[in-house]
mmCIF file of all heavy atoms, coordinates in Angstrom:
data_MODEL
# 
_entry.id   MODEL 
# 
loop_
_atom_site.group_PDB 
_atom_site.id 
_atom_site.type_symbol 
_atom_site.label_atom_id 
_atom_site.label_alt_id 
_atom_site.label_comp_id 
_atom_site.label_asym_id 
_atom_site.label_entity_id 
_atom_site.label_seq_id 
_atom_site.pdbx_PDB_ins_code 
_atom_site.Cartn_x 
_atom_site.Cartn_y 
_atom_site.Cartn_z 
_atom_site.occupancy 
_atom_site.B_iso_or_equiv 
_atom_site.pdbx_formal_charge 
_atom_site.auth_seq_id 
_atom_site.auth_comp_id 
_atom_site.auth_asym_id 
_atom_site.auth_atom_id 
_atom_site.pdbx_PDB_model_num 
ATOM 1   N N   . ASP A 1 1  ? 103.682 -74.306 17.983 1.00 0.00 ? 1  ASP A N   1 
ATOM 2   C CA  . ASP A 1 1  ? 104.523 -73.219 17.400 1.00 0.00 ? 1  ASP A CA  1 
ATOM 3   C C   . ASP A 1 1  ? 105.328 -73.815 16.298 1.00 0.00 ? 1  ASP A C   1 
ATOM 4   O O   . ASP A 1 1  ? 105.733 -75.044 16.297 1.00 0.00 ? 1  ASP A O   1 
ATOM 5   C CB  . ASP A 1 1  ? 105.361 -72.748 18.457 1.00 0.00 ? 1  ASP A CB  1 
ATOM 6   C CG  . ASP A 1 1  ? 104.682 -72.191 19.683 1.00 0.00 ? 1  ASP A CG  1 
ATOM 7   O OD1 . ASP A 1 1  ? 103.770 -71.404 19.454 1.00 0.00 ? 1  ASP A OD1 1 
ATOM 8   O OD2 . ASP A 1 1  ? 105.150 -72.514 20.818 1.00 0.00 ? 1  ASP A OD2 1 
ATOM 9   N N   . PRO A 1 2  ? 105.541 -73.084 15.144 1.00 0.00 ? 2  PRO A N   1 
ATOM 10  C CA  . PRO A 1 2  ? 105.312 -71.616 15.097 1.00 0.00 ? 2  PRO A CA  1 
ATOM 11  C C   . PRO A 1 2  ? 103.954 -71.219 14.555 1.00 0.00 ? 2  PRO A C   1 
ATOM 12  O O   . PRO A 1 2  ? 103.575 -70.139 14.405 1.00 0.00 ? 2  PRO A O   1 
ATOM 13  C CB  . PRO A 1 2  ? 106.341 -71.090 14.066 1.00 0.00 ? 2  PRO A CB  1 
ATOM 14  C CG  . PRO A 1 2  ? 106.462 -72.309 13.171 1.00 0.00 ? 2  PRO A CG  1 
ATOM 15  C CD  . PRO A 1 2  ? 106.407 -73.520 14.040 1.00 0.00 ? 2  PRO A CD  1 
ATOM 16  N N   . TRP A 1 3  ? 103.047 -72.362 14.450 1.00 0.00 ? 3  TRP A N   1 
ATOM 17  C CA  . TRP A 1 3  ? 101.675 -72.025 13.972 1.00 0.00 ? 3  TRP A CA  1 
ATOM 18  C C   . TRP A 1 3  ? 101.077 -70.899 14.880 1.00 0.00 ? 3  TRP A C   1 
ATOM 19  O O   . TRP A 1 3  ? 100.438 -69.969 14.324 1.00 0.00 ? 3  TRP A O   1 
ATOM 20  C CB  . TRP A 1 3  ? 100.816 -73.315 14.028 1.00 0.00 ? 3  TRP A CB  1 
ATOM 21  C CG  . TRP A 1 3  ? 99.387  -73.033 13.888 1.00 0.00 ? 3  TRP A CG  1 
ATOM 22  C CD1 . TRP A 1 3  ? 98.666  -72.969 12.630 1.00 0.00 ? 3  TRP A CD1 1 
ATOM 23  C CD2 . TRP A 1 3  ? 98.248  -72.929 14.887 1.00 0.00 ? 3  TRP A CD2 1 
ATOM 24  N NE1 . TRP A 1 3  ? 97.314  -72.656 12.916 1.00 0.00 ? 3  TRP A NE1 1 
ATOM 25  C CE2 . TRP A 1 3  ? 97.154  -72.612 14.062 1.00 0.00 ? 3  TRP A CE2 1 
ATOM 26  C CE3 . TRP A 1 3  ? 98.357  -72.879 16.204 1.00 0.00 ? 3  TRP A CE3 1 
ATOM 27  C CZ2 . TRP A 1 3  ? 95.826  -72.433 14.832 1.00 0.00 ? 3  TRP A CZ2 1 
ATOM 28  C CZ3 . TRP A 1 3  ? 97.186  -72.661 16.916 1.00 0.00 ? 3  TRP A CZ3 1 
ATOM 29  C CH2 . TRP A 1 3  ? 95.808  -72.444 16.203 1.00 0.00 ? 3  TRP A CH2 1 
ATOM 30  N N   . ARG A 1 4  ? 101.159 -70.940 16.028 1.00 0.00 ? 4  ARG A N   1 
ATOM 31  C CA  . ARG A 1 4  ? 100.532 -70.105 16.999 1.00 0.00 ? 4  ARG A CA  1 
ATOM 32  C C   . ARG A 1 4  ? 100.915 -68.620 16.706 1.00 0.00 ? 4  ARG A C   1 
ATOM 33  O O   . ARG A 1 4  ? 100.092 -67.700 16.575 1.00 0.00 ? 4  ARG A O   1 
ATOM 34  C CB  . ARG A 1 4  ? 100.775 -70.341 18.466 1.00 0.00 ? 4  ARG A CB  1 
ATOM 35  C CG  . ARG A 1 4  ? 100.096 -69.354 19.399 1.00 0.00 ? 4  ARG A CG  1 
ATOM 36  C CD  . ARG A 1 4  ? 100.052 -70.046 20.782 1.00 0.00 ? 4  ARG A CD  1 
ATOM 37  N NE  . ARG A 1 4  ? 101.209 -70.913 21.124 1.00 0.00 ? 4  ARG A NE  1 
ATOM 38  C CZ  . ARG A 1 4  ? 101.081 -71.801 22.025 1.00 0.00 ? 4  ARG A CZ  1 
ATOM 39  N NH1 . ARG A 1 4  ? 100.048 -72.061 22.727 1.00 0.00 ? 4  ARG A NH1 1 
ATOM 40  N NH2 . ARG A 1 4  ? 102.100 -72.678 22.316 1.00 0.00 ? 4  ARG A NH2 1 
ATOM 41  N N   . GLN A 1 5  ? 102.247 -68.376 16.542 1.00 0.00 ? 5  GLN A N   1 
ATOM 42  C CA  . GLN A 1 5  ? 102.709 -66.953 16.256 1.00 0.00 ? 5  GLN A CA  1 
ATOM 43  C C   . GLN A 1 5  ? 102.208 -66.520 14.911 1.00 0.00 ? 5  GLN A C   1 
ATOM 44  O O   . GLN A 1 5  ? 101.893 -65.372 14.744 1.00 0.00 ? 5  GLN A O   1 
ATOM 45  C CB  . GLN A 1 5  ? 104.259 -66.996 16.367 1.00 0.00 ? 5  GLN A CB  1 
ATOM 46  C CG  . GLN A 1 5  ? 104.925 -67.154 17.680 1.00 0.00 ? 5  GLN A CG  1 
ATOM 47  C CD  . GLN A 1 5  ? 105.002 -68.564 18.080 1.00 0.00 ? 5  GLN A CD  1 
ATOM 48  O OE1 . GLN A 1 5  ? 104.567 -69.560 17.446 1.00 0.00 ? 5  GLN A OE1 1 
ATOM 49  N NE2 . GLN A 1 5  ? 105.588 -68.904 19.202 1.00 0.00 ? 5  GLN A NE2 1 
ATOM 50  N N   . ASN A 1 6  ? 102.338 -67.559 13.966 1.00 0.00 ? 6  ASN A N   1 
ATOM 51  C CA  . ASN A 1 6  ? 101.866 -67.014 12.621 1.00 0.00 ? 6  ASN A CA  1 
ATOM 52  C C   . ASN A 1 6  ? 100.461 -66.809 12.453 1.00 0.00 ? 6  ASN A C   1 
ATOM 53  O O   . ASN A 1 6  ? 100.065 -65.877 11.730 1.00 0.00 ? 6  ASN A O   1 
ATOM 54  C CB  . ASN A 1 6  ? 102.429 -68.162 11.671 1.00 0.00 ? 6  ASN A CB  1 
ATOM 55  C CG  . ASN A 1 6  ? 103.872 -68.150 11.447 1.00 0.00 ? 6  ASN A CG  1 
ATOM 56  O OD1 . ASN A 1 6  ? 104.534 -67.180 11.408 1.00 0.00 ? 6  ASN A OD1 1 
ATOM 57  N ND2 . ASN A 1 6  ? 104.489 -69.395 11.170 1.00 0.00 ? 6  ASN A ND2 1 
ATOM 58  N N   . ILE A 1 7  ? 99.592  -67.544 13.123 1.00 0.00 ? 7  ILE A N   1 
ATOM 59  C CA  . ILE A 1 7  ? 98.194  -67.412 13.005 1.00 0.00 ? 7  ILE A CA  1 
ATOM 60  C C   . ILE A 1 7  ? 97.792  -65.995 13.641 1.00 0.00 ? 7  ILE A C   1 
ATOM 61  O O   . ILE A 1 7  ? 97.071  -65.356 13.127 1.00 0.00 ? 7  ILE A O   1 
ATOM 62  C CB  . ILE A 1 7  ? 97.404  -68.580 13.631 1.00 0.00 ? 7  ILE A CB  1 
ATOM 63  C CG1 . ILE A 1 7  ? 96.019  -68.680 12.880 1.00 0.00 ? 7  ILE A CG1 1 
ATOM 64  C CG2 . ILE A 1 7  ? 97.210  -68.401 15.043 1.00 0.00 ? 7  ILE A CG2 1 
ATOM 65  C CD1 . ILE A 1 7  ? 95.936  -69.351 11.705 1.00 0.00 ? 7  ILE A CD1 1 
ATOM 66  N N   . LYS A 1 8  ? 98.416  -65.716 14.741 1.00 0.00 ? 8  LYS A N   1 
ATOM 67  C CA  . LYS A 1 8  ? 98.248  -64.381 15.330 1.00 0.00 ? 8  LYS A CA  1 
ATOM 68  C C   . LYS A 1 8  ? 98.664  -63.241 14.396 1.00 0.00 ? 8  LYS A C   1 
ATOM 69  O O   . LYS A 1 8  ? 98.068  -62.162 14.337 1.00 0.00 ? 8  LYS A O   1 
ATOM 70  C CB  . LYS A 1 8  ? 98.955  -64.454 16.694 1.00 0.00 ? 8  LYS A CB  1 
ATOM 71  C CG  . LYS A 1 8  ? 98.273  -65.228 17.698 1.00 0.00 ? 8  LYS A CG  1 
ATOM 72  C CD  . LYS A 1 8  ? 98.908  -65.039 19.143 1.00 0.00 ? 8  LYS A CD  1 
ATOM 73  C CE  . LYS A 1 8  ? 98.223  -65.895 20.161 1.00 0.00 ? 8  LYS A CE  1 
ATOM 74  N NZ  . LYS A 1 8  ? 98.965  -65.834 21.519 1.00 0.00 ? 8  LYS A NZ  1 
ATOM 75  N N   . GLU A 1 9  ? 99.884  -63.399 13.763 1.00 0.00 ? 9  GLU A N   1 
ATOM 76  C CA  . GLU A 1 9  ? 100.316 -62.338 12.853 1.00 0.00 ? 9  GLU A CA  1 
ATOM 77  C C   . GLU A 1 9  ? 99.344  -62.187 11.635 1.00 0.00 ? 9  GLU A C   1 
ATOM 78  O O   . GLU A 1 9  ? 99.019  -61.120 11.372 1.00 0.00 ? 9  GLU A O   1 
ATOM 79  C CB  . GLU A 1 9  ? 101.671 -62.726 12.287 1.00 0.00 ? 9  GLU A CB  1 
ATOM 80  C CG  . GLU A 1 9  ? 102.255 -61.703 11.325 1.00 0.00 ? 9  GLU A CG  1 
ATOM 81  C CD  . GLU A 1 9  ? 102.382 -60.358 11.864 1.00 0.00 ? 9  GLU A CD  1 
ATOM 82  O OE1 . GLU A 1 9  ? 102.583 -60.137 13.135 1.00 0.00 ? 9  GLU A OE1 1 
ATOM 83  O OE2 . GLU A 1 9  ? 102.361 -59.413 11.093 1.00 0.00 ? 9  GLU A OE2 1 
ATOM 84  N N   . LEU A 1 10 ? 98.794  -63.295 11.113 1.00 0.00 ? 10 LEU A N   1 
ATOM 85  C CA  . LEU A 1 10 ? 97.844  -63.274 9.998  1.00 0.00 ? 10 LEU A CA  1 
ATOM 86  C C   . LEU A 1 10 ? 96.646  -62.497 10.538 1.00 0.00 ? 10 LEU A C   1 
ATOM 87  O O   . LEU A 1 10 ? 95.968  -61.699 9.741  1.00 0.00 ? 10 LEU A O   1 
ATOM 88  C CB  . LEU A 1 10 ? 97.661  -64.667 9.477  1.00 0.00 ? 10 LEU A CB  1 
ATOM 89  C CG  . LEU A 1 10 ? 96.488  -64.691 8.352  1.00 0.00 ? 10 LEU A CG  1 
ATOM 90  C CD1 . LEU A 1 10 ? 96.886  -63.908 7.068  1.00 0.00 ? 10 LEU A CD1 1 
ATOM 91  C CD2 . LEU A 1 10 ? 96.253  -66.121 7.924  1.00 0.00 ? 10 LEU A CD2 1 
ATOM 92  N N   . ALA A 1 11 ? 96.063  -62.791 11.715 1.00 0.00 ? 11 ALA A N   1 
ATOM 93  C CA  . ALA A 1 11 ? 94.869  -62.254 12.214 1.00 0.00 ? 11 ALA A CA  1 
ATOM 94  C C   . ALA A 1 11 ? 94.984  -60.784 12.368 1.00 0.00 ? 11 ALA A C   1 
ATOM 95  O O   . ALA A 1 11 ? 93.891  -60.147 12.702 1.00 0.00 ? 11 ALA A O   1 
ATOM 96  C CB  . ALA A 1 11 ? 94.433  -63.035 13.539 1.00 0.00 ? 11 ALA A CB  1 
ATOM 97  N N   . ARG A 1 12 ? 96.139  -60.181 12.458 1.00 0.00 ? 12 ARG A N   1 
ATOM 98  C CA  . ARG A 1 12 ? 96.236  -58.679 12.614 1.00 0.00 ? 12 ARG A CA  1 
ATOM 99  C C   . ARG A 1 12 ? 95.774  -58.091 11.311 1.00 0.00 ? 12 ARG A C   1 
ATOM 100 O O   . ARG A 1 12 ? 95.307  -56.885 11.521 1.00 0.00 ? 12 ARG A O   1 
ATOM 101 C CB  . ARG A 1 12 ? 97.678  -58.372 12.860 1.00 0.00 ? 12 ARG A CB  1 
ATOM 102 C CG  . ARG A 1 12 ? 98.331  -58.766 14.176 1.00 0.00 ? 12 ARG A CG  1 
ATOM 103 C CD  . ARG A 1 12 ? 99.803  -58.310 14.305 1.00 0.00 ? 12 ARG A CD  1 
ATOM 104 N NE  . ARG A 1 12 ? 99.861  -56.965 14.103 1.00 0.00 ? 12 ARG A NE  1 
ATOM 105 C CZ  . ARG A 1 12 ? 100.827 -56.320 13.298 1.00 0.00 ? 12 ARG A CZ  1 
ATOM 106 N NH1 . ARG A 1 12 ? 101.705 -57.074 12.624 1.00 0.00 ? 12 ARG A NH1 1 
ATOM 107 N NH2 . ARG A 1 12 ? 100.921 -55.079 13.308 1.00 0.00 ? 12 ARG A NH2 1 
ATOM 108 N N   . ARG A 1 13 ? 95.555  -58.692 10.315 1.00 0.00 ? 13 ARG A N   1 
ATOM 109 C CA  . ARG A 1 13 ? 95.045  -58.173 9.107  1.00 0.00 ? 13 ARG A CA  1 
ATOM 110 C C   . ARG A 1 13 ? 93.429  -58.314 9.262  1.00 0.00 ? 13 ARG A C   1 
ATOM 111 O O   . ARG A 1 13 ? 92.867  -59.411 9.167  1.00 0.00 ? 13 ARG A O   1 
ATOM 112 C CB  . ARG A 1 13 ? 95.354  -58.996 7.827  1.00 0.00 ? 13 ARG A CB  1 
ATOM 113 C CG  . ARG A 1 13 ? 96.811  -58.561 7.418  1.00 0.00 ? 13 ARG A CG  1 
ATOM 114 C CD  . ARG A 1 13 ? 97.865  -59.204 8.187  1.00 0.00 ? 13 ARG A CD  1 
ATOM 115 N NE  . ARG A 1 13 ? 99.167  -58.907 7.641  1.00 0.00 ? 13 ARG A NE  1 
ATOM 116 C CZ  . ARG A 1 13 ? 100.265 -59.012 8.416  1.00 0.00 ? 13 ARG A CZ  1 
ATOM 117 N NH1 . ARG A 1 13 ? 100.229 -59.426 9.665  1.00 0.00 ? 13 ARG A NH1 1 
ATOM 118 N NH2 . ARG A 1 13 ? 101.413 -58.658 7.881  1.00 0.00 ? 13 ARG A NH2 1 
ATOM 119 N N   . GLU A 1 14 ? 92.769  -57.158 9.411  1.00 0.00 ? 14 GLU A N   1 
ATOM 120 C CA  . GLU A 1 14 ? 91.332  -57.275 9.710  1.00 0.00 ? 14 GLU A CA  1 
ATOM 121 C C   . GLU A 1 14 ? 90.446  -57.698 8.515  1.00 0.00 ? 14 GLU A C   1 
ATOM 122 O O   . GLU A 1 14 ? 89.194  -57.820 8.811  1.00 0.00 ? 14 GLU A O   1 
ATOM 123 C CB  . GLU A 1 14 ? 90.900  -55.897 10.248 1.00 0.00 ? 14 GLU A CB  1 
ATOM 124 C CG  . GLU A 1 14 ? 91.514  -55.473 11.574 1.00 0.00 ? 14 GLU A CG  1 
ATOM 125 C CD  . GLU A 1 14 ? 90.996  -54.392 12.288 1.00 0.00 ? 14 GLU A CD  1 
ATOM 126 O OE1 . GLU A 1 14 ? 90.169  -53.683 11.760 1.00 0.00 ? 14 GLU A OE1 1 
ATOM 127 O OE2 . GLU A 1 14 ? 91.388  -54.029 13.322 1.00 0.00 ? 14 GLU A OE2 1 
ATOM 128 N N   . ASN A 1 15 ? 91.052  -57.887 7.407  1.00 0.00 ? 15 ASN A N   1 
ATOM 129 C CA  . ASN A 1 15 ? 90.215  -58.396 6.201  1.00 0.00 ? 15 ASN A CA  1 
ATOM 130 C C   . ASN A 1 15 ? 90.368  -59.844 6.159  1.00 0.00 ? 15 ASN A C   1 
ATOM 131 O O   . ASN A 1 15 ? 89.825  -60.539 5.091  1.00 0.00 ? 15 ASN A O   1 
ATOM 132 C CB  . ASN A 1 15 ? 90.756  -57.795 4.959  1.00 0.00 ? 15 ASN A CB  1 
ATOM 133 C CG  . ASN A 1 15 ? 92.309  -58.052 4.772  1.00 0.00 ? 15 ASN A CG  1 
ATOM 134 O OD1 . ASN A 1 15 ? 93.068  -57.970 5.640  1.00 0.00 ? 15 ASN A OD1 1 
ATOM 135 N ND2 . ASN A 1 15 ? 92.711  -58.260 3.428  1.00 0.00 ? 15 ASN A ND2 1 
ATOM 136 N N   . VAL A 1 16 ? 90.921  -60.539 7.189  1.00 0.00 ? 16 VAL A N   1 
ATOM 137 C CA  . VAL A 1 16 ? 90.970  -61.982 7.183  1.00 0.00 ? 16 VAL A CA  1 
ATOM 138 C C   . VAL A 1 16 ? 90.127  -62.568 8.264  1.00 0.00 ? 16 VAL A C   1 
ATOM 139 O O   . VAL A 1 16 ? 90.131  -62.241 9.507  1.00 0.00 ? 16 VAL A O   1 
ATOM 140 C CB  . VAL A 1 16 ? 92.450  -62.494 7.451  1.00 0.00 ? 16 VAL A CB  1 
ATOM 141 C CG1 . VAL A 1 16 ? 92.497  -63.968 7.400  1.00 0.00 ? 16 VAL A CG1 1 
ATOM 142 C CG2 . VAL A 1 16 ? 93.411  -61.838 6.418  1.00 0.00 ? 16 VAL A CG2 1 
ATOM 143 N N   . TYR A 1 17 ? 89.264  -63.507 7.787  1.00 0.00 ? 17 TYR A N   1 
ATOM 144 C CA  . TYR A 1 17 ? 88.220  -64.252 8.661  1.00 0.00 ? 17 TYR A CA  1 
ATOM 145 C C   . TYR A 1 17 ? 88.984  -65.693 8.891  1.00 0.00 ? 17 TYR A C   1 
ATOM 146 O O   . TYR A 1 17 ? 89.873  -65.970 8.133  1.00 0.00 ? 17 TYR A O   1 
ATOM 147 C CB  . TYR A 1 17 ? 86.934  -64.242 8.095  1.00 0.00 ? 17 TYR A CB  1 
ATOM 148 C CG  . TYR A 1 17 ? 86.232  -63.006 8.195  1.00 0.00 ? 17 TYR A CG  1 
ATOM 149 C CD1 . TYR A 1 17 ? 86.585  -61.978 7.148  1.00 0.00 ? 17 TYR A CD1 1 
ATOM 150 C CD2 . TYR A 1 17 ? 85.169  -62.771 9.145  1.00 0.00 ? 17 TYR A CD2 1 
ATOM 151 C CE1 . TYR A 1 17 ? 85.819  -60.837 7.331  1.00 0.00 ? 17 TYR A CE1 1 
ATOM 152 C CE2 . TYR A 1 17 ? 84.455  -61.449 9.024  1.00 0.00 ? 17 TYR A CE2 1 
ATOM 153 C CZ  . TYR A 1 17 ? 84.855  -60.541 8.171  1.00 0.00 ? 17 TYR A CZ  1 
ATOM 154 O OH  . TYR A 1 17 ? 84.050  -59.373 8.125  1.00 0.00 ? 17 TYR A OH  1 
ATOM 155 N N   . CYS A 1 18 ? 88.228  -66.472 9.744  1.00 0.00 ? 18 CYS A N   1 
ATOM 156 C CA  . CYS A 1 18 ? 88.921  -67.862 9.997  1.00 0.00 ? 18 CYS A CA  1 
ATOM 157 C C   . CYS A 1 18 ? 87.702  -68.806 10.269 1.00 0.00 ? 18 CYS A C   1 
ATOM 158 O O   . CYS A 1 18 ? 86.871  -68.410 11.023 1.00 0.00 ? 18 CYS A O   1 
ATOM 159 C CB  . CYS A 1 18 ? 89.861  -67.901 11.156 1.00 0.00 ? 18 CYS A CB  1 
ATOM 160 S SG  . CYS A 1 18 ? 90.769  -69.370 11.425 1.00 0.00 ? 18 CYS A SG  1 
ATOM 161 N N   . LYS A 1 19 ? 87.911  -70.051 9.828  1.00 0.00 ? 19 LYS A N   1 
ATOM 162 C CA  . LYS A 1 19 ? 86.895  -71.041 9.987  1.00 0.00 ? 19 LYS A CA  1 
ATOM 163 C C   . LYS A 1 19 ? 87.479  -72.061 11.015 1.00 0.00 ? 19 LYS A C   1 
ATOM 164 O O   . LYS A 1 19 ? 88.542  -72.553 10.862 1.00 0.00 ? 19 LYS A O   1 
ATOM 165 C CB  . LYS A 1 19 ? 86.641  -71.977 8.773  1.00 0.00 ? 19 LYS A CB  1 
ATOM 166 C CG  . LYS A 1 19 ? 85.859  -71.055 7.631  1.00 0.00 ? 19 LYS A CG  1 
ATOM 167 C CD  . LYS A 1 19 ? 85.583  -71.971 6.482  1.00 0.00 ? 19 LYS A CD  1 
ATOM 168 C CE  . LYS A 1 19 ? 85.047  -71.145 5.361  1.00 0.00 ? 19 LYS A CE  1 
ATOM 169 N NZ  . LYS A 1 19 ? 84.792  -71.834 4.092  1.00 0.00 ? 19 LYS A NZ  1 
ATOM 170 N N   . VAL A 1 20 ? 86.632  -72.305 12.051 1.00 0.00 ? 20 VAL A N   1 
ATOM 171 C CA  . VAL A 1 20 ? 86.887  -73.378 13.098 1.00 0.00 ? 20 VAL A CA  1 
ATOM 172 C C   . VAL A 1 20 ? 86.382  -74.636 12.386 1.00 0.00 ? 20 VAL A C   1 
ATOM 173 O O   . VAL A 1 20 ? 85.186  -75.059 12.476 1.00 0.00 ? 20 VAL A O   1 
ATOM 174 C CB  . VAL A 1 20 ? 86.241  -73.138 14.361 1.00 0.00 ? 20 VAL A CB  1 
ATOM 175 C CG1 . VAL A 1 20 ? 86.459  -74.206 15.307 1.00 0.00 ? 20 VAL A CG1 1 
ATOM 176 C CG2 . VAL A 1 20 ? 86.555  -71.812 15.011 1.00 0.00 ? 20 VAL A CG2 1 
ATOM 177 N N   . SER A 1 21 ? 87.256  -75.369 11.691 1.00 0.00 ? 21 SER A N   1 
ATOM 178 C CA  . SER A 1 21 ? 86.881  -76.572 10.940 1.00 0.00 ? 21 SER A CA  1 
ATOM 179 C C   . SER A 1 21 ? 88.178  -77.309 10.722 1.00 0.00 ? 21 SER A C   1 
ATOM 180 O O   . SER A 1 21 ? 89.268  -76.874 10.844 1.00 0.00 ? 21 SER A O   1 
ATOM 181 C CB  . SER A 1 21 ? 86.233  -76.137 9.626  1.00 0.00 ? 21 SER A CB  1 
ATOM 182 O OG  . SER A 1 21 ? 87.046  -75.418 8.827  1.00 0.00 ? 21 SER A OG  1 
ATOM 183 N N   . GLY A 1 22 ? 87.966  -78.561 10.451 1.00 0.00 ? 22 GLY A N   1 
ATOM 184 C CA  . GLY A 1 22 ? 89.007  -79.444 9.836  1.00 0.00 ? 22 GLY A CA  1 
ATOM 185 C C   . GLY A 1 22 ? 90.076  -79.814 10.916 1.00 0.00 ? 22 GLY A C   1 
ATOM 186 O O   . GLY A 1 22 ? 91.120  -80.554 10.639 1.00 0.00 ? 22 GLY A O   1 
ATOM 187 N N   . LEU A 1 23 ? 89.819  -79.661 12.238 1.00 0.00 ? 23 LEU A N   1 
ATOM 188 C CA  . LEU A 1 23 ? 90.860  -79.996 13.160 1.00 0.00 ? 23 LEU A CA  1 
ATOM 189 C C   . LEU A 1 23 ? 90.923  -81.542 13.489 1.00 0.00 ? 23 LEU A C   1 
ATOM 190 O O   . LEU A 1 23 ? 91.989  -82.090 13.719 1.00 0.00 ? 23 LEU A O   1 
ATOM 191 C CB  . LEU A 1 23 ? 90.529  -79.211 14.566 1.00 0.00 ? 23 LEU A CB  1 
ATOM 192 C CG  . LEU A 1 23 ? 90.958  -77.788 14.662 1.00 0.00 ? 23 LEU A CG  1 
ATOM 193 C CD1 . LEU A 1 23 ? 90.529  -77.225 16.074 1.00 0.00 ? 23 LEU A CD1 1 
ATOM 194 C CD2 . LEU A 1 23 ? 92.444  -77.421 14.432 1.00 0.00 ? 23 LEU A CD2 1 
ATOM 195 N N   . VAL A 1 24 ? 89.794  -82.110 13.604 1.00 0.00 ? 24 VAL A N   1 
ATOM 196 C CA  . VAL A 1 24 ? 89.719  -83.549 13.768 1.00 0.00 ? 24 VAL A CA  1 
ATOM 197 C C   . VAL A 1 24 ? 90.472  -84.399 12.755 1.00 0.00 ? 24 VAL A C   1 
ATOM 198 O O   . VAL A 1 24 ? 91.127  -85.398 13.086 1.00 0.00 ? 24 VAL A O   1 
ATOM 199 C CB  . VAL A 1 24 ? 88.293  -84.181 13.964 1.00 0.00 ? 24 VAL A CB  1 
ATOM 200 C CG1 . VAL A 1 24 ? 87.750  -83.666 15.197 1.00 0.00 ? 24 VAL A CG1 1 
ATOM 201 C CG2 . VAL A 1 24 ? 87.498  -83.717 12.697 1.00 0.00 ? 24 VAL A CG2 1 
ATOM 202 N N   . THR A 1 25 ? 90.532  -83.955 11.598 1.00 0.00 ? 25 THR A N   1 
ATOM 203 C CA  . THR A 1 25 ? 91.198  -84.608 10.472 1.00 0.00 ? 25 THR A CA  1 
ATOM 204 C C   . THR A 1 25 ? 92.727  -84.298 10.494 1.00 0.00 ? 25 THR A C   1 
ATOM 205 O O   . THR A 1 25 ? 93.546  -84.994 9.681  1.00 0.00 ? 25 THR A O   1 
ATOM 206 C CB  . THR A 1 25 ? 90.641  -84.390 9.052  1.00 0.00 ? 25 THR A CB  1 
ATOM 207 O OG1 . THR A 1 25 ? 90.406  -82.967 8.870  1.00 0.00 ? 25 THR A OG1 1 
ATOM 208 C CG2 . THR A 1 25 ? 89.304  -85.192 9.030  1.00 0.00 ? 25 THR A CG2 1 
# 
């Protein structure tokens, strides 16, 4: 947090997709 709250808010925009990448770095 606050990443979790903000990512959920951004995802409410249905024109936004997301990549599962870059976590290990």
